[in-house]
Amino acid sequence: MTQAPPGKRAGRLMLIIVWAAALFLATRFFGDWEQRQENPNTSVSSEHGDGYVEVQLVSNRQGHFVMTGQINARPVQFMLDTGATNVAIPQEVADALRLERGGRVEVSTANGRTEAFRTTLNRLQIGDIVLDNVRALVVPGLDGDQVLLGMSAIKQLEFTQRGGTLLLRQTTK
C-alpha cells in the first residue's frame, strides 16, 4: 500500500477539520434554537411608565409562558402556573439556591398528593419587576429545573393575556 503525498494528507486533514467544525456549529445552532423554542423569554426586557413597570412575554410552542428570571439574585427558569397557589421550587433548584426549609405541608399536584416545605424568597425578579418576601414551597417530588411561578407571586401583579402574549405589570407608586 502506498502512502498519499504530504499535500494530499494535509488536504484530507483540512477537510476533516472543516467538516468537524461545521458539525459543531450546526449542533450549537440547533441546540440554541431548541432552547429558544422551550424558553422564548431568555432575555426579558422591561418598559417603565409613569408609576409602573411592565414586561411582555411570548408563549412557547406548547402555549406555556416560560421565562428566565432570578430568585435571590441567582438565575432560574420560571413557568407561569396560575393553578399553583404558591411558587413551587424543585428540590434540586432549592438546594442550589440554598433555600431554608420551614414547616412540612401536604400539597395536591397534578400527580396526586405529596409533601412540600414552606420557604420565603427574599427577592424574585422578572426583568425589572421585583417582588420581595414571596411565599414559596420546596417540592421534593417536582421534576426538572423549572420553578412554577404560582399565585403567591402573580397576585402582586396585573396580568393580561392576548393570544400568545402575556403582559405583566407592577405598580411602582
N, C-alpha and C. Protein backbone atom coordinates (compact mmCIF):
# COMPACT_ATOMS: atom_id res chain seq x y z
N MET A 1 0.84 -1.17 0.00
CA MET A 1 0.00 0.00 0.00
C MET A 1 0.88 1.23 0.00
N THR A 2 0.57 2.16 -0.89
CA THR A 2 1.37 3.37 -0.98
C THR A 2 0.74 4.47 -0.15
N GLN A 3 1.58 5.31 0.41
CA GLN A 3 1.08 6.44 1.19
C GLN A 3 0.81 7.62 0.29
N ALA A 4 -0.22 8.40 0.69
CA ALA A 4 -0.55 9.60 -0.07
C ALA A 4 0.54 10.63 0.15
N PRO A 5 0.79 11.45 -0.88
CA PRO A 5 1.78 12.51 -0.72
C PRO A 5 1.39 13.45 0.42
N PRO A 6 2.36 14.13 1.04
CA PRO A 6 2.07 15.02 2.17
C PRO A 6 1.01 16.08 1.86
N GLY A 7 0.95 16.57 0.65
CA GLY A 7 -0.05 17.59 0.29
C GLY A 7 -1.47 17.03 0.35
N LYS A 8 -1.64 15.77 -0.12
CA LYS A 8 -2.97 15.16 -0.07
C LYS A 8 -3.38 14.86 1.36
N ARG A 9 -2.42 14.43 2.20
CA ARG A 9 -2.74 14.16 3.60
C ARG A 9 -3.19 15.44 4.29
N ALA A 10 -2.52 16.54 4.03
CA ALA A 10 -2.88 17.82 4.63
C ALA A 10 -4.26 18.26 4.14
N GLY A 11 -4.54 18.01 2.87
CA GLY A 11 -5.86 18.35 2.32
C GLY A 11 -6.97 17.55 2.97
N ARG A 12 -6.73 16.25 3.18
CA ARG A 12 -7.72 15.40 3.84
C ARG A 12 -7.94 15.86 5.29
N LEU A 13 -6.85 16.16 5.95
CA LEU A 13 -6.92 16.62 7.34
C LEU A 13 -7.72 17.93 7.42
N MET A 14 -7.47 18.84 6.49
CA MET A 14 -8.22 20.10 6.48
C MET A 14 -9.70 19.84 6.22
N LEU A 15 -10.02 18.91 5.32
CA LEU A 15 -11.40 18.57 5.03
C LEU A 15 -12.09 18.00 6.27
N ILE A 16 -11.41 17.14 6.99
CA ILE A 16 -11.96 16.57 8.23
C ILE A 16 -12.19 17.68 9.25
N ILE A 17 -11.24 18.60 9.39
CA ILE A 17 -11.37 19.70 10.34
C ILE A 17 -12.56 20.59 9.97
N VAL A 18 -12.70 20.90 8.68
CA VAL A 18 -13.82 21.74 8.22
C VAL A 18 -15.15 21.05 8.52
N TRP A 19 -15.26 19.75 8.21
CA TRP A 19 -16.50 19.02 8.48
C TRP A 19 -16.79 18.97 9.99
N ALA A 20 -15.78 18.74 10.79
CA ALA A 20 -15.97 18.70 12.25
C ALA A 20 -16.43 20.06 12.77
N ALA A 21 -15.83 21.13 12.26
CA ALA A 21 -16.24 22.48 12.68
C ALA A 21 -17.67 22.76 12.24
N ALA A 22 -18.04 22.37 11.04
CA ALA A 22 -19.40 22.59 10.55
C ALA A 22 -20.41 21.81 11.39
N LEU A 23 -20.07 20.58 11.73
CA LEU A 23 -20.95 19.77 12.57
C LEU A 23 -21.10 20.38 13.96
N PHE A 24 -20.00 20.85 14.53
CA PHE A 24 -20.04 21.50 15.84
C PHE A 24 -20.92 22.75 15.80
N LEU A 25 -20.72 23.60 14.80
CA LEU A 25 -21.51 24.83 14.69
C LEU A 25 -23.00 24.54 14.47
N ALA A 26 -23.31 23.54 13.65
CA ALA A 26 -24.71 23.17 13.42
C ALA A 26 -25.34 22.66 14.72
N THR A 27 -24.62 21.86 15.46
CA THR A 27 -25.11 21.35 16.74
C THR A 27 -25.38 22.48 17.71
N ARG A 28 -24.47 23.44 17.79
CA ARG A 28 -24.67 24.61 18.68
C ARG A 28 -25.87 25.43 18.24
N PHE A 29 -25.98 25.68 16.94
CA PHE A 29 -27.09 26.48 16.42
C PHE A 29 -28.43 25.83 16.75
N PHE A 30 -28.56 24.53 16.44
CA PHE A 30 -29.84 23.87 16.67
C PHE A 30 -30.12 23.66 18.15
N GLY A 31 -29.09 23.49 18.97
CA GLY A 31 -29.27 23.42 20.42
C GLY A 31 -29.81 24.74 20.96
N ASP A 32 -29.23 25.86 20.51
CA ASP A 32 -29.72 27.18 20.92
C ASP A 32 -31.13 27.42 20.41
N TRP A 33 -31.41 26.99 19.17
CA TRP A 33 -32.75 27.15 18.60
C TRP A 33 -33.77 26.37 19.41
N GLU A 34 -33.43 25.15 19.78
CA GLU A 34 -34.34 24.33 20.58
C GLU A 34 -34.59 24.97 21.95
N GLN A 35 -33.55 25.53 22.57
CA GLN A 35 -33.70 26.21 23.85
C GLN A 35 -34.62 27.42 23.71
N ARG A 36 -34.50 28.17 22.62
CA ARG A 36 -35.37 29.33 22.39
C ARG A 36 -36.81 28.90 22.17
N GLN A 37 -37.03 27.71 21.62
CA GLN A 37 -38.39 27.20 21.43
C GLN A 37 -39.00 26.86 22.79
N GLU A 38 -38.23 26.30 23.71
CA GLU A 38 -38.71 25.96 25.05
C GLU A 38 -38.90 27.22 25.89
N ASN A 39 -37.90 28.13 25.84
CA ASN A 39 -37.95 29.37 26.62
C ASN A 39 -37.67 30.55 25.68
N PRO A 40 -38.72 31.10 25.09
CA PRO A 40 -38.52 32.22 24.17
C PRO A 40 -38.24 33.54 24.89
N ASN A 41 -38.22 33.51 26.23
CA ASN A 41 -38.03 34.72 27.03
C ASN A 41 -36.76 34.64 27.87
N THR A 42 -35.66 34.25 27.24
CA THR A 42 -34.40 34.16 27.98
C THR A 42 -33.85 35.53 28.34
N SER A 43 -34.19 36.52 27.55
CA SER A 43 -33.80 37.90 27.85
C SER A 43 -35.08 38.72 27.94
N VAL A 44 -35.49 39.01 29.16
CA VAL A 44 -36.75 39.71 29.39
C VAL A 44 -36.48 41.21 29.45
N SER A 45 -37.12 41.96 28.56
CA SER A 45 -36.95 43.42 28.59
C SER A 45 -38.14 44.04 29.32
N SER A 46 -37.90 45.19 29.88
CA SER A 46 -38.90 45.88 30.69
C SER A 46 -39.20 47.25 30.10
N GLU A 47 -40.43 47.68 30.32
CA GLU A 47 -40.83 49.02 29.93
C GLU A 47 -41.27 49.75 31.19
N HIS A 48 -40.72 50.94 31.38
CA HIS A 48 -41.06 51.75 32.54
C HIS A 48 -42.00 52.87 32.10
N GLY A 49 -43.08 53.03 32.85
CA GLY A 49 -44.03 54.11 32.59
C GLY A 49 -44.24 54.91 33.86
N ASP A 50 -45.20 55.80 33.84
CA ASP A 50 -45.50 56.64 34.99
C ASP A 50 -46.19 55.78 36.06
N GLY A 51 -45.42 55.30 37.02
CA GLY A 51 -45.97 54.52 38.11
C GLY A 51 -46.07 53.03 37.86
N TYR A 52 -45.41 52.51 36.84
CA TYR A 52 -45.47 51.07 36.61
C TYR A 52 -44.21 50.58 35.88
N VAL A 53 -44.02 49.27 35.98
CA VAL A 53 -43.01 48.54 35.22
C VAL A 53 -43.74 47.39 34.55
N GLU A 54 -43.48 47.17 33.26
CA GLU A 54 -44.11 46.08 32.52
C GLU A 54 -43.07 45.20 31.86
N VAL A 55 -43.41 43.92 31.78
CA VAL A 55 -42.64 43.00 30.94
C VAL A 55 -43.64 42.28 30.03
N GLN A 56 -43.22 42.05 28.81
CA GLN A 56 -44.05 41.34 27.84
C GLN A 56 -43.39 40.02 27.53
N LEU A 57 -44.16 38.94 27.63
CA LEU A 57 -43.65 37.59 27.41
C LEU A 57 -44.40 36.96 26.25
N VAL A 58 -43.73 36.09 25.52
CA VAL A 58 -44.38 35.33 24.46
C VAL A 58 -44.42 33.86 24.88
N SER A 59 -45.45 33.16 24.42
CA SER A 59 -45.59 31.75 24.79
C SER A 59 -44.66 30.89 23.94
N ASN A 60 -44.34 29.72 24.47
CA ASN A 60 -43.53 28.78 23.70
C ASN A 60 -44.44 27.94 22.80
N ARG A 61 -43.89 26.97 22.12
CA ARG A 61 -44.65 26.16 21.17
C ARG A 61 -45.82 25.44 21.82
N GLN A 62 -45.69 25.09 23.09
CA GLN A 62 -46.76 24.38 23.79
C GLN A 62 -47.80 25.33 24.37
N GLY A 63 -47.58 26.65 24.21
CA GLY A 63 -48.52 27.63 24.74
C GLY A 63 -48.23 28.05 26.18
N HIS A 64 -47.11 27.59 26.74
CA HIS A 64 -46.74 27.94 28.11
C HIS A 64 -45.90 29.21 28.11
N PHE A 65 -46.00 29.95 29.19
CA PHE A 65 -45.17 31.14 29.35
C PHE A 65 -43.97 30.76 30.22
N VAL A 66 -42.83 30.59 29.58
CA VAL A 66 -41.59 30.23 30.24
C VAL A 66 -40.66 31.41 30.11
N MET A 67 -39.97 31.76 31.20
CA MET A 67 -39.10 32.92 31.17
C MET A 67 -37.91 32.72 32.09
N THR A 68 -36.84 33.44 31.81
CA THR A 68 -35.68 33.46 32.69
C THR A 68 -35.84 34.61 33.65
N GLY A 69 -35.58 34.35 34.89
CA GLY A 69 -35.66 35.37 35.93
C GLY A 69 -34.64 35.08 37.00
N GLN A 70 -34.89 35.60 38.19
CA GLN A 70 -33.94 35.40 39.29
C GLN A 70 -34.69 35.16 40.59
N ILE A 71 -34.11 34.34 41.42
CA ILE A 71 -34.51 34.19 42.81
C ILE A 71 -33.27 34.49 43.64
N ASN A 72 -33.41 35.46 44.54
CA ASN A 72 -32.30 35.87 45.40
C ASN A 72 -31.03 36.12 44.58
N ALA A 73 -31.21 36.82 43.45
CA ALA A 73 -30.13 37.26 42.55
C ALA A 73 -29.43 36.10 41.82
N ARG A 74 -30.04 34.91 41.80
CA ARG A 74 -29.48 33.78 41.06
C ARG A 74 -30.43 33.42 39.92
N PRO A 75 -29.93 33.16 38.72
CA PRO A 75 -30.81 32.88 37.57
C PRO A 75 -31.58 31.58 37.72
N VAL A 76 -32.86 31.62 37.34
CA VAL A 76 -33.71 30.44 37.31
C VAL A 76 -34.61 30.54 36.08
N GLN A 77 -35.24 29.42 35.75
CA GLN A 77 -36.22 29.42 34.68
C GLN A 77 -37.59 29.22 35.32
N PHE A 78 -38.50 30.15 35.03
CA PHE A 78 -39.86 30.10 35.56
C PHE A 78 -40.80 29.59 34.48
N MET A 79 -41.88 28.93 34.94
CA MET A 79 -43.01 28.66 34.07
C MET A 79 -44.25 29.16 34.82
N LEU A 80 -45.00 30.04 34.18
CA LEU A 80 -46.19 30.61 34.78
C LEU A 80 -47.22 29.51 35.02
N ASP A 81 -47.76 29.45 36.25
CA ASP A 81 -48.75 28.44 36.60
C ASP A 81 -49.81 29.07 37.48
N THR A 82 -50.88 29.56 36.85
CA THR A 82 -51.94 30.22 37.61
C THR A 82 -52.72 29.23 38.47
N GLY A 83 -52.54 27.94 38.25
CA GLY A 83 -53.19 26.93 39.07
C GLY A 83 -52.43 26.59 40.34
N ALA A 84 -51.22 27.11 40.47
CA ALA A 84 -50.42 26.85 41.67
C ALA A 84 -50.65 27.98 42.67
N THR A 85 -50.98 27.62 43.90
CA THR A 85 -51.22 28.61 44.94
C THR A 85 -49.95 29.38 45.27
N ASN A 86 -48.84 28.67 45.34
CA ASN A 86 -47.55 29.27 45.69
C ASN A 86 -46.53 29.05 44.59
N VAL A 87 -45.45 29.78 44.66
CA VAL A 87 -44.29 29.49 43.82
C VAL A 87 -43.79 28.12 44.27
N ALA A 88 -43.57 27.20 43.33
CA ALA A 88 -43.14 25.84 43.65
C ALA A 88 -41.76 25.60 43.05
N ILE A 89 -40.84 25.15 43.91
CA ILE A 89 -39.44 25.03 43.52
C ILE A 89 -38.99 23.57 43.66
N PRO A 90 -38.46 22.98 42.59
CA PRO A 90 -37.94 21.62 42.70
C PRO A 90 -36.80 21.55 43.74
N GLN A 91 -36.69 20.41 44.39
CA GLN A 91 -35.68 20.20 45.43
C GLN A 91 -34.27 20.58 44.97
N GLU A 92 -33.88 20.14 43.77
CA GLU A 92 -32.52 20.40 43.29
C GLU A 92 -32.26 21.89 43.10
N VAL A 93 -33.26 22.61 42.61
CA VAL A 93 -33.12 24.05 42.42
C VAL A 93 -33.04 24.74 43.79
N ALA A 94 -33.89 24.32 44.72
CA ALA A 94 -33.86 24.88 46.08
C ALA A 94 -32.51 24.65 46.74
N ASP A 95 -31.93 23.46 46.54
CA ASP A 95 -30.61 23.18 47.10
C ASP A 95 -29.56 24.11 46.50
N ALA A 96 -29.61 24.30 45.18
CA ALA A 96 -28.65 25.19 44.53
C ALA A 96 -28.81 26.64 45.01
N LEU A 97 -30.05 27.03 45.32
CA LEU A 97 -30.31 28.39 45.81
C LEU A 97 -30.09 28.52 47.32
N ARG A 98 -29.84 27.38 47.97
CA ARG A 98 -29.63 27.33 49.43
C ARG A 98 -30.81 27.92 50.20
N LEU A 99 -32.00 27.51 49.79
CA LEU A 99 -33.21 28.00 50.45
C LEU A 99 -33.44 27.24 51.75
N GLU A 100 -33.85 27.96 52.77
CA GLU A 100 -34.18 27.33 54.05
C GLU A 100 -35.54 26.67 53.93
N ARG A 101 -35.67 25.53 54.57
CA ARG A 101 -36.95 24.82 54.57
C ARG A 101 -37.62 25.03 55.92
N GLY A 102 -38.90 25.39 55.84
CA GLY A 102 -39.68 25.57 57.05
C GLY A 102 -40.56 24.36 57.28
N GLY A 103 -41.79 24.64 57.75
CA GLY A 103 -42.72 23.57 58.09
C GLY A 103 -43.12 22.72 56.90
N ARG A 104 -43.39 21.46 57.22
CA ARG A 104 -43.82 20.50 56.20
C ARG A 104 -45.31 20.67 55.97
N VAL A 105 -45.72 20.61 54.70
CA VAL A 105 -47.13 20.69 54.33
C VAL A 105 -47.42 19.62 53.29
N GLU A 106 -48.68 19.22 53.20
CA GLU A 106 -49.08 18.30 52.16
C GLU A 106 -49.78 19.11 51.08
N VAL A 107 -49.41 18.86 49.82
CA VAL A 107 -49.97 19.62 48.71
C VAL A 107 -50.57 18.67 47.67
N SER A 108 -51.55 19.19 46.94
CA SER A 108 -52.14 18.44 45.83
C SER A 108 -51.52 18.94 44.54
N THR A 109 -51.06 18.02 43.73
CA THR A 109 -50.48 18.36 42.43
C THR A 109 -51.22 17.60 41.35
N ALA A 110 -50.87 17.83 40.12
CA ALA A 110 -51.46 17.10 39.01
C ALA A 110 -51.17 15.61 39.13
N ASN A 111 -50.09 15.26 39.83
CA ASN A 111 -49.71 13.86 40.01
C ASN A 111 -50.19 13.28 41.32
N GLY A 112 -51.03 14.00 42.05
CA GLY A 112 -51.53 13.49 43.32
C GLY A 112 -51.00 14.30 44.50
N ARG A 113 -51.12 13.74 45.69
CA ARG A 113 -50.69 14.42 46.90
C ARG A 113 -49.22 14.11 47.18
N THR A 114 -48.51 15.12 47.68
CA THR A 114 -47.10 14.96 48.02
C THR A 114 -46.76 15.93 49.14
N GLU A 115 -45.58 15.81 49.68
CA GLU A 115 -45.15 16.74 50.73
C GLU A 115 -44.28 17.84 50.15
N ALA A 116 -44.33 18.96 50.83
CA ALA A 116 -43.51 20.11 50.44
C ALA A 116 -43.10 20.84 51.72
N PHE A 117 -42.19 21.79 51.57
CA PHE A 117 -41.69 22.54 52.71
C PHE A 117 -41.82 24.04 52.43
N ARG A 118 -42.36 24.76 53.39
CA ARG A 118 -42.53 26.20 53.25
C ARG A 118 -41.17 26.89 53.22
N THR A 119 -41.11 27.96 52.44
CA THR A 119 -39.93 28.82 52.42
C THR A 119 -40.38 30.21 51.98
N THR A 120 -39.51 31.17 52.14
CA THR A 120 -39.78 32.53 51.68
C THR A 120 -38.63 32.97 50.79
N LEU A 121 -38.98 33.53 49.64
CA LEU A 121 -37.98 34.05 48.71
C LEU A 121 -37.76 35.51 49.04
N ASN A 122 -36.55 35.86 49.42
CA ASN A 122 -36.26 37.25 49.75
C ASN A 122 -36.55 38.17 48.56
N ARG A 123 -36.19 37.68 47.37
CA ARG A 123 -36.35 38.52 46.17
C ARG A 123 -36.60 37.63 44.97
N LEU A 124 -37.64 37.96 44.20
CA LEU A 124 -37.96 37.27 42.96
C LEU A 124 -38.01 38.35 41.89
N GLN A 125 -37.33 38.12 40.77
CA GLN A 125 -37.23 39.15 39.74
C GLN A 125 -37.47 38.57 38.36
N ILE A 126 -38.29 39.31 37.57
CA ILE A 126 -38.51 39.02 36.15
C ILE A 126 -38.33 40.34 35.44
N GLY A 127 -37.30 40.45 34.62
CA GLY A 127 -36.98 41.75 34.03
C GLY A 127 -36.73 42.73 35.16
N ASP A 128 -37.38 43.90 35.10
CA ASP A 128 -37.23 44.89 36.17
C ASP A 128 -38.34 44.81 37.20
N ILE A 129 -39.21 43.82 37.09
CA ILE A 129 -40.22 43.59 38.12
C ILE A 129 -39.56 42.85 39.27
N VAL A 130 -39.66 43.43 40.46
CA VAL A 130 -39.04 42.85 41.65
C VAL A 130 -40.10 42.65 42.72
N LEU A 131 -40.18 41.43 43.25
CA LEU A 131 -41.10 41.10 44.34
C LEU A 131 -40.27 40.66 45.54
N ASP A 132 -40.61 41.18 46.71
CA ASP A 132 -39.88 40.84 47.93
C ASP A 132 -40.73 39.94 48.83
N ASN A 133 -40.05 39.06 49.56
CA ASN A 133 -40.68 38.19 50.56
C ASN A 133 -41.88 37.43 50.00
N VAL A 134 -41.61 36.61 49.00
CA VAL A 134 -42.65 35.85 48.31
C VAL A 134 -42.75 34.46 48.94
N ARG A 135 -43.99 34.06 49.28
CA ARG A 135 -44.23 32.71 49.80
C ARG A 135 -43.93 31.69 48.71
N ALA A 136 -43.29 30.60 49.12
CA ALA A 136 -42.95 29.55 48.15
C ALA A 136 -42.92 28.21 48.87
N LEU A 137 -42.87 27.16 48.08
CA LEU A 137 -42.75 25.80 48.58
C LEU A 137 -41.59 25.11 47.88
N VAL A 138 -40.81 24.36 48.66
CA VAL A 138 -39.81 23.46 48.10
C VAL A 138 -40.52 22.12 47.97
N VAL A 139 -40.57 21.60 46.73
CA VAL A 139 -41.31 20.37 46.45
C VAL A 139 -40.34 19.28 45.99
N PRO A 140 -39.98 18.36 46.91
CA PRO A 140 -39.02 17.32 46.53
C PRO A 140 -39.46 16.47 45.34
N GLY A 141 -40.75 16.24 45.15
CA GLY A 141 -41.23 15.39 44.05
C GLY A 141 -41.39 16.11 42.73
N LEU A 142 -41.09 17.40 42.67
CA LEU A 142 -41.24 18.17 41.44
C LEU A 142 -40.03 17.93 40.54
N ASP A 143 -40.28 17.40 39.34
CA ASP A 143 -39.20 17.06 38.42
C ASP A 143 -38.72 18.28 37.66
N GLY A 144 -37.53 18.21 37.12
CA GLY A 144 -37.00 19.24 36.24
C GLY A 144 -36.36 20.37 37.01
N ASP A 145 -36.06 21.44 36.26
CA ASP A 145 -35.40 22.59 36.87
C ASP A 145 -36.20 23.87 36.71
N GLN A 146 -37.47 23.74 36.30
CA GLN A 146 -38.32 24.92 36.16
C GLN A 146 -39.03 25.21 37.48
N VAL A 147 -39.01 26.47 37.86
CA VAL A 147 -39.74 26.94 39.03
C VAL A 147 -41.13 27.34 38.55
N LEU A 148 -42.16 26.81 39.22
CA LEU A 148 -43.52 27.18 38.85
C LEU A 148 -43.86 28.51 39.51
N LEU A 149 -44.16 29.49 38.68
CA LEU A 149 -44.48 30.83 39.16
C LEU A 149 -45.97 30.86 39.49
N GLY A 150 -46.27 30.60 40.76
CA GLY A 150 -47.65 30.48 41.21
C GLY A 150 -48.23 31.80 41.68
N MET A 151 -49.44 31.72 42.20
CA MET A 151 -50.22 32.90 42.55
C MET A 151 -49.64 33.72 43.70
N SER A 152 -48.81 33.13 44.57
CA SER A 152 -48.21 33.93 45.64
C SER A 152 -47.35 35.06 45.07
N ALA A 153 -46.86 34.90 43.86
CA ALA A 153 -46.12 35.96 43.16
C ALA A 153 -47.03 36.71 42.20
N ILE A 154 -47.79 35.98 41.39
CA ILE A 154 -48.59 36.59 40.33
C ILE A 154 -49.65 37.54 40.88
N LYS A 155 -50.21 37.22 42.06
CA LYS A 155 -51.28 38.07 42.60
C LYS A 155 -50.81 39.48 42.94
N GLN A 156 -49.51 39.68 42.99
CA GLN A 156 -48.96 41.00 43.27
C GLN A 156 -48.83 41.85 42.00
N LEU A 157 -49.21 41.26 40.86
CA LEU A 157 -49.07 41.92 39.57
C LEU A 157 -50.42 41.97 38.85
N GLU A 158 -50.52 42.88 37.90
CA GLU A 158 -51.62 42.83 36.95
C GLU A 158 -51.12 42.00 35.78
N PHE A 159 -51.99 41.17 35.22
CA PHE A 159 -51.54 40.42 34.05
C PHE A 159 -52.67 40.30 33.05
N THR A 160 -52.29 40.40 31.79
CA THR A 160 -53.23 40.33 30.68
C THR A 160 -52.65 39.42 29.62
N GLN A 161 -53.48 38.47 29.17
CA GLN A 161 -53.05 37.58 28.10
C GLN A 161 -53.88 37.83 26.86
N ARG A 162 -53.21 37.97 25.75
CA ARG A 162 -53.87 38.10 24.44
C ARG A 162 -53.11 37.22 23.46
N GLY A 163 -53.80 36.22 22.98
CA GLY A 163 -53.13 35.32 22.04
C GLY A 163 -51.92 34.68 22.69
N GLY A 164 -50.81 34.78 22.04
CA GLY A 164 -49.58 34.19 22.56
C GLY A 164 -48.71 35.16 23.33
N THR A 165 -49.31 36.24 23.84
CA THR A 165 -48.54 37.25 24.56
C THR A 165 -49.12 37.45 25.95
N LEU A 166 -48.26 37.61 26.93
CA LEU A 166 -48.66 37.90 28.30
C LEU A 166 -47.96 39.17 28.75
N LEU A 167 -48.75 40.08 29.30
CA LEU A 167 -48.21 41.33 29.81
C LEU A 167 -48.31 41.31 31.33
N LEU A 168 -47.16 41.43 32.00
CA LEU A 168 -47.12 41.54 33.47
C LEU A 168 -46.82 42.99 33.82
N ARG A 169 -47.59 43.54 34.77
CA ARG A 169 -47.39 44.93 35.16
C ARG A 169 -47.34 45.03 36.68
N GLN A 170 -46.32 45.74 37.14
CA GLN A 170 -46.18 46.02 38.57
C GLN A 170 -46.34 47.51 38.78
N THR A 171 -47.23 47.88 39.69
CA THR A 171 -47.41 49.27 40.06
C THR A 171 -46.26 49.67 40.96
N THR A 172 -45.65 50.82 40.69
CA THR A 172 -44.47 51.24 41.46
C THR A 172 -44.75 52.41 42.38
N LYS A 173 -45.95 52.94 42.39
CA LYS A 173 -46.26 54.07 43.27
C LYS A 173 -46.87 53.61 44.55
